[in-house]
């Protein structure tokens, strides 16, 4: 494909799609920072309340852990939504790349799928998959704390 046969509108659309995908990723990072802050505040509140003398009623502590679980589940669902949105955006980007002389995103993905990344891991773990474990871990920890409070 020569530069003369490349429609500048296609290139402009490609640039816009790449920029929009980057913005979604930036929003996802901002959401992660927000939810980490909220979870940290909840853990701090739980520690503060549990350490009070006289002891705070366990119902309040359980309420804090319930908020932690609900926040973690909301975070998880939001991450799934961002992942689905980015998956759609990159499908469009890859379709546009077919019209371009180079295919950086499609080629990058092929390399990630094909080549072992390290000696201890045989395949690429998608960021969305790894990232979604964090809110689930917070939900589990909050669930364990709630169960411990109920059992005591």
Protein backbone atom coordinates (compact mmCIF):
# COMPACT_ATOMS: atom_id res chain seq x y z
CA UNK A 1 0.00 0.00 0.00
CA UNK A 2 1.39 3.37 -0.95
CA UNK A 3 0.89 6.61 0.88
CA UNK A 4 -1.06 7.90 -2.12
CA UNK A 5 -3.66 5.13 -1.82
CA UNK A 6 -4.17 5.67 1.92
CA UNK A 7 -7.32 7.64 2.62
CA UNK A 8 -6.39 10.36 5.16
CA UNK A 9 -9.83 9.99 6.73
CA UNK A 10 -9.02 6.39 7.62
CA UNK A 11 -5.77 7.46 9.27
CA UNK A 12 -7.57 10.23 11.18
CA UNK A 13 -10.21 7.76 12.36
CA UNK A 14 -7.47 5.33 13.41
CA UNK A 15 -5.75 8.04 15.45
CA UNK A 16 -9.04 8.98 17.11
CA UNK A 17 -9.84 5.36 17.98
CA UNK A 18 -6.40 4.81 19.48
CA UNK A 19 -6.73 8.01 21.52
CA UNK A 20 -10.19 6.97 22.76
CA UNK A 21 -8.89 3.52 23.77
CA UNK A 22 -6.10 5.24 25.68
CA UNK A 23 -8.64 7.46 27.45
CA UNK A 24 -10.67 4.43 28.52
CA UNK A 25 -7.49 2.90 29.95
CA UNK A 26 -6.74 6.13 31.81
CA UNK A 27 -10.27 6.22 33.23
CA UNK A 28 -9.87 2.61 34.33
CA UNK A 29 -6.64 3.48 36.11
CA UNK A 30 -8.40 6.40 37.83
CA UNK A 31 -11.23 4.10 38.92
CA UNK A 32 -8.69 1.65 40.33
CA UNK A 33 -7.03 4.43 42.34
CA UNK A 34 -10.43 5.55 43.65
CA UNK A 35 -11.48 2.06 44.73
CA UNK A 36 -8.10 1.33 46.35
CA UNK A 37 -8.53 4.55 48.35
CA UNK A 38 -12.08 3.60 49.37
CA UNK A 39 -10.99 0.10 50.40
CA UNK A 40 -8.08 1.54 52.37
CA UNK A 41 -10.41 3.96 54.15
CA UNK A 42 -12.78 1.12 55.01
CA UNK A 43 -9.95 -0.99 56.42
CA UNK A 44 -8.72 2.00 58.43
CA UNK A 45 -12.25 2.64 59.72
CA UNK A 46 -12.61 -1.01 60.65
CA UNK A 47 -9.30 -0.95 62.52
CA UNK A 48 -10.22 2.28 64.28
CA UNK A 49 -13.67 1.04 65.31
CA UNK A 50 -12.43 -2.40 66.40
CA UNK A 51 -9.75 -0.82 68.61
CA UNK A 52 -12.13 1.49 70.47
CA UNK A 53 -12.68 1.16 74.20
CA UNK A 54 -15.41 0.50 75.05
CA UNK A 55 -15.75 -1.90 72.15
CA UNK A 56 -17.98 -0.81 69.27
CA UNK A 57 -21.02 -2.97 68.63
CA UNK A 58 -20.18 -5.73 66.13
CA UNK A 59 -23.14 -4.68 63.97
CA UNK A 60 -21.24 -1.53 62.99
CA UNK A 61 -18.12 -3.52 62.19
CA UNK A 62 -20.13 -5.96 60.09
CA UNK A 63 -21.75 -3.01 58.30
CA UNK A 64 -18.30 -1.67 57.38
CA UNK A 65 -17.26 -5.09 56.01
CA UNK A 66 -20.56 -5.28 54.06
CA UNK A 67 -19.80 -1.90 52.49
CA UNK A 68 -16.33 -3.24 51.67
CA UNK A 69 -17.81 -6.29 49.95
CA UNK A 70 -20.33 -4.21 47.98
CA UNK A 71 -17.63 -1.73 46.98
CA UNK A 72 -15.34 -4.56 45.83
CA UNK A 73 -18.12 -6.15 43.78
CA UNK A 74 -18.99 -2.79 42.20
CA UNK A 75 -15.31 -2.32 41.37
CA UNK A 76 -15.14 -5.78 39.81
CA UNK A 77 -18.20 -5.12 37.63
CA UNK A 78 -16.80 -1.76 36.56
CA UNK A 79 -13.51 -3.41 35.55
CA UNK A 80 -15.42 -5.97 33.49
CA UNK A 81 -17.25 -3.14 31.76
CA UNK A 82 -13.98 -1.33 30.99
CA UNK A 83 -12.47 -4.57 29.69
CA UNK A 84 -15.45 -5.18 27.39
CA UNK A 85 -15.34 -1.59 26.16
CA UNK A 86 -11.61 -1.81 25.39
CA UNK A 87 -12.08 -5.19 23.70
CA UNK A 88 -14.64 -3.58 21.36
CA UNK A 89 -12.40 -0.56 20.76
CA UNK A 90 -9.44 -2.75 19.84
CA UNK A 91 -11.60 -4.85 17.52
CA UNK A 92 -12.41 -1.63 15.66
CA UNK A 93 -8.75 -0.52 15.74
CA UNK A 94 -7.65 -3.89 14.35
CA UNK A 95 -10.26 -3.67 11.59
CA UNK A 96 -8.98 -0.21 10.60
CA UNK A 97 -5.37 -1.46 10.69
CA UNK A 98 -6.17 -3.80 7.80
CA UNK A 99 -6.32 -0.68 5.62
CA UNK A 100 -2.95 0.60 6.88
CA UNK A 101 0.55 -0.39 5.76
CA UNK A 102 1.44 -1.48 9.32
CA UNK A 103 -0.59 -3.24 12.02
CA UNK A 104 1.07 -2.40 15.37
CA UNK A 105 -1.77 -3.45 17.69
CA UNK A 106 -2.60 -6.68 15.86
CA UNK A 107 1.13 -7.53 15.59
CA UNK A 108 1.70 -6.79 19.29
CA UNK A 109 -1.14 -9.08 20.27
CA UNK A 110 0.21 -11.88 18.05
CA UNK A 111 3.63 -11.58 19.70
CA UNK A 112 2.08 -11.69 23.17
CA UNK A 113 0.03 -14.78 22.32
CA UNK A 114 2.91 -16.58 20.60
CA UNK A 115 6.05 -15.94 22.64
CA UNK A 116 6.59 -17.05 26.23
CA UNK A 117 7.07 -13.87 28.24
CA UNK A 118 9.37 -15.34 30.85
CA UNK A 119 10.82 -18.63 32.00
CA UNK A 120 8.23 -19.04 34.78
CA UNK A 121 5.11 -18.07 32.87
CA UNK A 122 4.19 -19.68 29.57
CA UNK A 123 1.50 -17.29 28.40
CA UNK A 124 0.58 -13.64 28.65
CA UNK A 125 -1.86 -12.85 31.45
CA UNK A 126 -4.19 -10.11 30.26
CA UNK A 127 -4.17 -7.02 32.46
CA UNK A 128 -7.95 -7.15 32.84
CA UNK A 129 -7.77 -10.68 34.19
CA UNK A 130 -5.04 -9.91 36.69
CA UNK A 131 -6.59 -6.57 37.61
CA UNK A 132 -9.99 -8.13 38.37
CA UNK A 133 -8.42 -10.32 41.06
CA UNK A 134 -7.79 -7.31 43.32
CA UNK A 135 -11.44 -6.40 44.04
CA UNK A 136 -12.26 -10.09 44.46
CA UNK A 137 -9.48 -10.38 47.05
CA UNK A 138 -10.88 -7.35 48.90
CA UNK A 139 -14.34 -8.95 48.84
CA UNK A 140 -12.94 -12.20 50.24
CA UNK A 141 -10.97 -10.42 52.97
CA UNK A 142 -14.04 -8.39 53.97
CA UNK A 143 -16.13 -11.57 53.94
CA UNK A 144 -13.64 -13.33 56.22
CA UNK A 145 -13.61 -10.34 58.58
CA UNK A 146 -17.42 -10.31 58.68
CA UNK A 147 -17.56 -14.06 59.32
CA UNK A 148 -14.98 -13.71 62.11
CA UNK A 149 -17.00 -10.93 63.71
CA UNK A 150 -20.20 -12.97 63.55
CA UNK A 151 -18.45 -16.03 65.02
CA UNK A 152 -17.07 -14.11 68.04
